Every structure is written in structure tokens, then in C-alpha cells.
C-alpha atoms as a PDB file:
ATOM      1  CA  MET A   1     133.033 -46.722-285.150  1.00  0.00           C
ATOM      2  CA  TYR A   2     131.576 -47.466-281.696  1.00  0.00           C
ATOM      3  CA  MET A   3     128.912 -45.469-279.923  1.00  0.00           C
ATOM      4  CA  GLY A   4     126.818 -46.298-276.888  1.00  0.00           C
ATOM      5  CA  SER A   5     127.037 -48.261-273.690  1.00  0.00           C
ATOM      6  CA  PRO A   6     128.251 -51.860-273.625  1.00  0.00           C
ATOM      7  CA  THR A   7     125.227 -53.059-271.658  1.00  0.00           C
ATOM      8  CA  ILE A   8     122.301 -50.721-272.406  1.00  0.00           C
ATOM      9  CA  PRO A   9     120.899 -50.547-275.947  1.00  0.00           C
ATOM     10  CA  SER A  10     121.193 -47.105-277.532  1.00  0.00           C
ATOM     11  CA  PRO A  11     118.112 -45.141-278.624  1.00  0.00           C
ATOM     12  CA  ARG A  12     119.083 -46.035-282.213  1.00  0.00           C
ATOM     13  CA  SER A  13     119.045 -49.743-281.341  1.00  0.00           C
ATOM     14  CA  ILE A  14     115.678 -49.405-279.664  1.00  0.00           C
ATOM     15  CA  ALA A  15     114.279 -47.518-282.673  1.00  0.00           C
ATOM     16  CA  CYS A  16     115.593 -50.244-284.966  1.00  0.00           C
ATOM     17  CA  LEU A  17     114.028 -52.981-282.839  1.00  0.00           C
ATOM     18  CA  LEU A  18     110.681 -51.218-282.828  1.00  0.00           C
ATOM     19  CA  LEU A  19     110.751 -50.609-286.587  1.00  0.00           C
ATOM     20  CA  ILE A  20     111.616 -54.237-287.317  1.00  0.00           C
ATOM     21  CA  LEU A  21     108.880 -55.508-284.989  1.00  0.00           C
ATOM     22  CA  VAL A  22     106.341 -53.229-286.675  1.00  0.00           C
ATOM     23  CA  MET A  23     107.440 -54.481-290.106  1.00  0.00           C
ATOM     24  CA  LEU A  24     107.163 -58.085-288.956  1.00  0.00           C
ATOM     25  CA  SER A  25     103.678 -57.484-287.613  1.00  0.00           C
ATOM     26  CA  CYS A  26     102.648 -56.302-291.097  1.00  0.00           C
ATOM     27  CA  GLY A  27     103.934 -59.532-292.643  1.00  0.00           C
ATOM     28  CA  GLU A  28     102.949 -63.039-291.736  1.00  0.00           C
ATOM     29  CA  PRO A  29     100.732 -63.370-288.668  1.00  0.00           C
ATOM     30  CA  LYS A  30     102.115 -64.672-285.423  1.00  0.00           C
ATOM     31  CA  PRO A  31     101.362 -68.326-284.833  1.00  0.00           C
ATOM     32  CA  PRO A  32      98.535 -68.909-282.353  1.00  0.00           C
ATOM     33  CA  GLN A  33      99.799 -69.282-278.823  1.00  0.00           C
ATOM     34  CA  LYS A  34      99.047 -72.632-277.237  1.00  0.00           C
ATOM     35  CA  GLN A  35      98.490 -72.918-273.529  1.00  0.00           C
ATOM     36  CA  GLU A  36     101.551 -74.679-272.238  1.00  0.00           C
ATOM     37  CA  GLU A  37     102.795 -75.801-268.908  1.00  0.00           C
ATOM     38  CA  PRO A  38     104.710 -73.129-267.004  1.00  0.00           C
ATOM     39  CA  GLN A  39     108.278 -72.920-268.195  1.00  0.00           C
ATOM     40  CA  ARG A  40     111.146 -74.004-266.060  1.00  0.00           C
ATOM     41  CA  ALA A  41     113.858 -71.590-264.879  1.00  0.00           C
ATOM     42  CA  GLU A  42     115.497 -71.618-268.311  1.00  0.00           C
ATOM     43  CA  SER A  43     113.290 -69.310-270.386  1.00  0.00           C
ATOM     44  CA  ASN A  44     115.272 -69.408-273.646  1.00  0.00           C
ATOM     45  CA  PRO A  45     115.451 -72.829-275.301  1.00  0.00           C
ATOM     46  CA  ALA A  46     118.743 -73.839-276.837  1.00  0.00           C
ATOM     47  CA  PRO A  47     119.030 -72.469-280.391  1.00  0.00           C
ATOM     48  CA  LEU A  48     118.654 -74.936-283.220  1.00  0.00           C
ATOM     49  CA  PRO A  49     121.804 -75.857-285.109  1.00  0.00           C
ATOM     50  CA  ALA A  50     122.256 -73.552-288.123  1.00  0.00           C
ATOM     51  CA  GLN A  51     121.678 -76.320-290.671  1.00  0.00           C
ATOM     52  CA  ALA A  52     118.362 -77.299-289.043  1.00  0.00           C
ATOM     53  CA  ASP A  53     117.056 -73.761-288.544  1.00  0.00           C
ATOM     54  CA  SER A  54     114.337 -73.196-291.129  1.00  0.00           C
ATOM     55  CA  ARG A  55     113.104 -69.836-289.845  1.00  0.00           C
ATOM     56  CA  PRO A  56     113.052 -66.928-292.331  1.00  0.00           C
ATOM     57  CA  VAL A  57     116.232 -64.852-292.085  1.00  0.00           C
ATOM     58  CA  ILE A  58     116.733 -61.216-291.148  1.00  0.00           C
ATOM     59  CA  VAL A  59     120.265 -60.071-291.997  1.00  0.00           C
ATOM     60  CA  ALA A  60     121.813 -57.169-290.113  1.00  0.00           C
ATOM     61  CA  PHE A  61     124.326 -56.014-292.763  1.00  0.00           C
ATOM     62  CA  GLY A  62     126.761 -53.349-291.660  1.00  0.00           C
ATOM     63  CA  ASP A  63     129.955 -52.233-289.986  1.00  0.00           C
ATOM     64  CA  SER A  64     131.074 -52.058-286.332  1.00  0.00           C
ATOM     65  CA  LEU A  65     127.728 -50.630-285.186  1.00  0.00           C
ATOM     66  CA  THR A  66     126.104 -53.850-286.400  1.00  0.00           C
ATOM     67  CA  ALA A  67     128.977 -56.172-285.499  1.00  0.00           C
ATOM     68  CA  GLY A  68     128.904 -54.946-281.894  1.00  0.00           C
ATOM     69  CA  TYR A  69     132.495 -53.745-281.748  1.00  0.00           C
ATOM     70  CA  GLY A  70     133.425 -52.881-278.171  1.00  0.00           C
ATOM     71  CA  VAL A  71     130.449 -54.571-276.532  1.00  0.00           C
ATOM     72  CA  GLU A  72     130.323 -57.901-274.785  1.00  0.00           C
ATOM     73  CA  THR A  73     129.239 -60.945-276.761  1.00  0.00           C
ATOM     74  CA  GLY A  74     125.459 -61.081-276.898  1.00  0.00           C
ATOM     75  CA  ASN A  75     125.004 -57.305-276.597  1.00  0.00           C
ATOM     76  CA  SER A  76     125.032 -56.169-280.228  1.00  0.00           C
ATOM     77  CA  TYR A  77     121.824 -54.708-281.645  1.00  0.00           C
ATOM     78  CA  PRO A  78     121.214 -57.888-283.741  1.00  0.00           C
ATOM     79  CA  ASP A  79     121.336 -59.857-280.462  1.00  0.00           C
ATOM     80  CA  PHE A  80     118.751 -57.525-278.893  1.00  0.00           C
ATOM     81  CA  LEU A  81     116.650 -57.749-282.053  1.00  0.00           C
ATOM     82  CA  GLN A  82     116.639 -61.572-281.909  1.00  0.00           C
ATOM     83  CA  LYS A  83     115.586 -61.491-278.254  1.00  0.00           C
ATOM     84  CA  ALA A  84     112.775 -58.999-278.984  1.00  0.00           C
ATOM     85  CA  ILE A  85     111.549 -61.085-281.929  1.00  0.00           C
ATOM     86  CA  ASP A  86     111.589 -64.250-279.844  1.00  0.00           C
ATOM     87  CA  ARG A  87     109.717 -62.565-276.964  1.00  0.00           C
ATOM     88  CA  SER A  88     107.092 -61.291-279.418  1.00  0.00           C
ATOM     89  CA  GLY A  89     106.491 -64.771-280.782  1.00  0.00           C
ATOM     90  CA  TYR A  90     107.732 -64.159-284.317  1.00  0.00           C
ATOM     91  CA  ARG A  91     109.542 -66.953-286.098  1.00  0.00           C
ATOM     92  CA  TYR A  92     112.622 -65.256-287.607  1.00  0.00           C
ATOM     93  CA  ARG A  93     116.361 -65.803-287.244  1.00  0.00           C
ATOM     94  CA  VAL A  94     118.635 -62.749-287.107  1.00  0.00           C
ATOM     95  CA  VAL A  95     122.065 -63.118-288.721  1.00  0.00           C
ATOM     96  CA  ASN A  96     124.733 -60.593-287.774  1.00  0.00           C
ATOM     97  CA  ALA A  97     126.645 -59.747-290.969  1.00  0.00           C
ATOM     98  CA  GLY A  98     128.476 -56.783-289.462  1.00  0.00           C
ATOM     99  CA  ILE A  99     132.205 -56.322-289.995  1.00  0.00           C
ATOM    100  CA  SER A 100     134.039 -53.670-288.013  1.00  0.00           C
ATOM    101  CA  GLY A 101     135.669 -51.078-290.254  1.00  0.00           C
ATOM    102  CA  ASP A 102     133.641 -52.071-293.303  1.00  0.00           C
ATOM    103  CA  THR A 103     132.840 -49.511-295.984  1.00  0.00           C
ATOM    104  CA  THR A 104     130.196 -49.400-298.698  1.00  0.00           C
ATOM    105  CA  SER A 105     132.717 -50.824-301.178  1.00  0.00           C
ATOM    106  CA  GLY A 106     133.379 -53.715-298.787  1.00  0.00           C
ATOM    107  CA  GLY A 107     129.635 -54.216-298.401  1.00  0.00           C
ATOM    108  CA  LEU A 108     129.195 -54.234-302.162  1.00  0.00           C
ATOM    109  CA  ALA A 109     131.905 -56.904-302.415  1.00  0.00           C
ATOM    110  CA  ARG A 110     129.993 -59.163-300.006  1.00  0.00           C
ATOM    111  CA  VAL A 111     126.394 -58.453-300.993  1.00  0.00           C
ATOM    112  CA  ASP A 112     126.280 -61.835-302.783  1.00  0.00           C
ATOM    113  CA  MET A 113     127.051 -63.546-299.478  1.00  0.00           C
ATOM    114  CA  VAL A 114     123.998 -61.817-297.991  1.00  0.00           C
ATOM    115  CA  THR A 115     121.676 -62.609-300.912  1.00  0.00           C
ATOM    116  CA  ARG A 116     122.706 -66.295-300.783  1.00  0.00           C
ATOM    117  CA  MET A 117     121.094 -66.429-297.317  1.00  0.00           C
ATOM    118  CA  LYS A 118     117.758 -65.609-299.040  1.00  0.00           C
ATOM    119  CA  PRO A 119     116.829 -63.055-296.381  1.00  0.00           C
ATOM    120  CA  ALA A 120     113.257 -61.921-295.896  1.00  0.00           C
ATOM    121  CA  LEU A 121     114.582 -58.612-294.554  1.00  0.00           C
ATOM    122  CA  VAL A 122     117.951 -56.825-294.557  1.00  0.00           C
ATOM    123  CA  ILE A 123     118.853 -53.980-292.217  1.00  0.00           C
ATOM    124  CA  LEU A 124     121.498 -52.070-294.212  1.00  0.00           C
ATOM    125  CA  GLU A 125     123.845 -50.029-292.012  1.00  0.00           C
ATOM    126  CA  LEU A 126     126.905 -48.955-294.005  1.00  0.00           C
ATOM    127  CA  GLY A 127     128.615 -45.698-294.918  1.00  0.00           C
ATOM    128  CA  GLY A 128     129.902 -44.357-291.609  1.00  0.00           C
ATOM    129  CA  ASN A 129     133.458 -45.440-292.320  1.00  0.00           C
ATOM    130  CA  ASP A 130     133.227 -43.956-295.823  1.00  0.00           C
ATOM    131  CA  GLY A 131     132.342 -40.599-294.286  1.00  0.00           C
ATOM    132  CA  LEU A 132     135.049 -40.793-291.644  1.00  0.00           C
ATOM    133  CA  ARG A 133     137.635 -41.547-294.352  1.00  0.00           C
ATOM    134  CA  GLY A 134     136.436 -38.755-296.623  1.00  0.00           C
ATOM    135  CA  THR A 135     135.369 -41.097-299.412  1.00  0.00           C
ATOM    136  CA  PRO A 136     133.752 -39.072-302.211  1.00  0.00           C
ATOM    137  CA  LEU A 137     130.025 -38.837-301.549  1.00  0.00           C
ATOM    138  CA  SER A 138     129.275 -39.941-305.103  1.00  0.00           C
ATOM    139  CA  SER A 139     131.107 -43.242-304.460  1.00  0.00           C
ATOM    140  CA  THR A 140     129.323 -43.848-301.165  1.00  0.00           C
ATOM    141  CA  ARG A 141     125.947 -43.159-302.759  1.00  0.00           C
ATOM    142  CA  ALA A 142     126.664 -45.331-305.810  1.00  0.00           C
ATOM    143  CA  ASN A 143     127.813 -48.260-303.660  1.00  0.00           C
ATOM    144  CA  LEU A 144     124.808 -48.030-301.335  1.00  0.00           C
ATOM    145  CA  GLU A 145     122.463 -47.809-304.304  1.00  0.00           C
ATOM    146  CA  ARG A 146     123.974 -50.891-305.938  1.00  0.00           C
ATOM    147  CA  ILE A 147     123.681 -52.795-302.650  1.00  0.00           C
ATOM    148  CA  VAL A 148     120.014 -51.798-302.295  1.00  0.00           C
ATOM    149  CA  VAL A 149     119.272 -52.828-305.888  1.00  0.00           C
ATOM    150  CA  GLU A 150     120.949 -56.222-305.454  1.00  0.00           C
ATOM    151  CA  LEU A 151     119.149 -56.879-302.177  1.00  0.00           C
ATOM    152  CA  GLN A 152     115.770 -55.934-303.645  1.00  0.00           C
ATOM    153  CA  LYS A 153     116.413 -58.072-306.749  1.00  0.00           C
ATOM    154  CA  SER A 154     116.921 -61.026-304.414  1.00  0.00           C
ATOM    155  CA  GLY A 155     113.433 -60.457-302.995  1.00  0.00           C
ATOM    156  CA  ALA A 156     114.547 -59.041-299.641  1.00  0.00           C
ATOM    157  CA  ARG A 157     112.807 -56.117-298.003  1.00  0.00           C
ATOM    158  CA  VAL A 158     115.424 -53.503-297.105  1.00  0.00           C
ATOM    159  CA  VAL A 159     115.490 -51.185-294.105  1.00  0.00           C
ATOM    160  CA  LEU A 160     118.096 -48.421-294.429  1.00  0.00           C
ATOM    161  CA  ALA A 161     119.861 -47.184-291.300  1.00  0.00           C
ATOM    162  CA  GLY A 162     120.774 -43.510-291.604  1.00  0.00           C
ATOM    163  CA  ILE A 163     124.239 -42.381-290.591  1.00  0.00           C
ATOM    164  CA  THR A 164     125.698 -39.032-289.602  1.00  0.00           C
ATOM    165  CA  LEU A 165     129.211 -37.765-288.927  1.00  0.00           C
ATOM    166  CA  PRO A 166     130.941 -35.866-286.112  1.00  0.00           C
ATOM    167  CA  PRO A 167     130.483 -32.064-286.209  1.00  0.00           C
ATOM    168  CA  ASN A 168     134.127 -31.404-287.151  1.00  0.00           C
ATOM    169  CA  TYR A 169     133.367 -32.613-290.694  1.00  0.00           C
ATOM    170  CA  GLY A 170     131.462 -29.397-291.308  1.00  0.00           C
ATOM    171  CA  PRO A 171     127.734 -28.777-291.778  1.00  0.00           C
ATOM    172  CA  ASP A 172     127.790 -28.817-295.600  1.00  0.00           C
ATOM    173  CA  TYR A 173     129.563 -32.166-295.868  1.00  0.00           C
ATOM    174  CA  ILE A 174     127.445 -33.681-293.082  1.00  0.00           C
ATOM    175  CA  GLN A 175     124.192 -32.491-294.676  1.00  0.00           C
ATOM    176  CA  SER A 176     125.218 -33.861-298.083  1.00  0.00           C
ATOM    177  CA  PHE A 177     126.236 -37.141-296.467  1.00  0.00           C
ATOM    178  CA  GLU A 178     122.932 -37.498-294.563  1.00  0.00           C
ATOM    179  CA  ASN A 179     120.999 -36.677-297.736  1.00  0.00           C
ATOM    180  CA  ILE A 180     122.355 -39.840-299.378  1.00  0.00           C
ATOM    181  CA  TYR A 181     120.222 -41.924-297.012  1.00  0.00           C
ATOM    182  CA  LYS A 182     117.122 -39.741-297.354  1.00  0.00           C
ATOM    183  CA  GLU A 183     117.344 -39.783-301.166  1.00  0.00           C
ATOM    184  CA  LEU A 184     117.854 -43.545-301.398  1.00  0.00           C
ATOM    185  CA  SER A 185     115.053 -44.134-298.908  1.00  0.00           C
ATOM    186  CA  SER A 186     112.716 -42.029-301.027  1.00  0.00           C
ATOM    187  CA  LYS A 187     113.824 -43.409-304.407  1.00  0.00           C
ATOM    188  CA  TYR A 188     113.567 -47.083-303.392  1.00  0.00           C
ATOM    189  CA  LYS A 189     110.712 -46.669-300.889  1.00  0.00           C
ATOM    190  CA  LEU A 190     112.804 -47.955-297.973  1.00  0.00           C
ATOM    191  CA  PRO A 191     111.989 -47.452-294.324  1.00  0.00           C
ATOM    192  CA  LEU A 192     114.734 -45.164-292.938  1.00  0.00           C
ATOM    193  CA  ILE A 193     115.988 -45.454-289.367  1.00  0.00           C
ATOM    194  CA  PRO A 194     117.203 -41.972-288.373  1.00  0.00           C
ATOM    195  CA  PHE A 195     120.628 -41.903-286.743  1.00  0.00           C
END
């Protein structure tokens, strides 16, 4: 499921970036900025090798919208999020755990992989492919709820990304589908990013 331009972040991506930055500003304080010599032409230092990177982890956990299907490398919303975090001086590493075509059942099958990363924060964006395939709403809701519970048990803060469906699915089905996200957000006290 791909929406948006390959080079300009969508309003949803921008909203997500802003929400994550606000959440980070409520957590640990930014380190004090030292006066340094002016930087050379290269403004982004080379990333640390994965095994040496000790920054707290933010996992973007989702489907093609997270994976960046159809956009050039470096232009997924997790890439933009990492750049915004770096520019703001926060010390977090964003991991893109998006798989194109993934469903909530696929996400549930790999939630252990996400919890093993010991994330400080998880942006959960799953369910769109369930809706497009006509998966029973009860299954989608149950899978998302189990994912949320497992992520919270691991100590991660969870941000839930709301999803909607194309109009041809009918207003009743779409409303019931969207309500899954609102209900889970309310029940588990999760910030909800509107689609």
C-alpha cells in the first residue's frame, strides 16, 4: 500500500515526525550543546556501526508505508524521522522494521524480533493490508491488541498510527475499521496518529 510522493514527505509523515519529537522532548533532556568549530561541508557524520551504536532505539514497525515501498532509498518516513531527531539534537536511533504487504498477523509473528531490540519507543503502523484483504475486523483488532500488549510488557512506549481504507469499502466497514485504532488508543492510553 503506497501513498504519497517519492521525494516530499506526506502530511501523515510530518505529523508522525512532530509527534515523535514532542514525545522525545518529554523524555530525557537534550544534552547541552557545546560550542564547536564550524562544521565542514559534510554536515552528517558517518553513522556508527550497528554493533557500536548505543543510542536508545525507536522502532518503526509496520507495512509498506513504514518500509518506504515505492520511494527512493533514504526517503521513507523512518529516514525522515532519524534526520529530524538528529537535527534536534536527540540521541536516538530509528530502526525501520517495515515489511511491504505485512498484516497484523505477520506483525504478531515478528513482535518478538522488535522486543529483542529493547526499544524505548515503537511506532506501530499495521492493519491496512488486513482491511484491503477483508480480514475480519475482530481478527485485526485482536492481533493489534496482542502486539500492543507485548510491546508495552517489554517496556516500550507505543505510538499507534491510525489507518483508513478507500471509499469503495463502504462507510460502515471503514468506520468500524477506523474505530479499532481509536478504541485501542483509548484503552491502552496510546498516542494516536490520525491517518
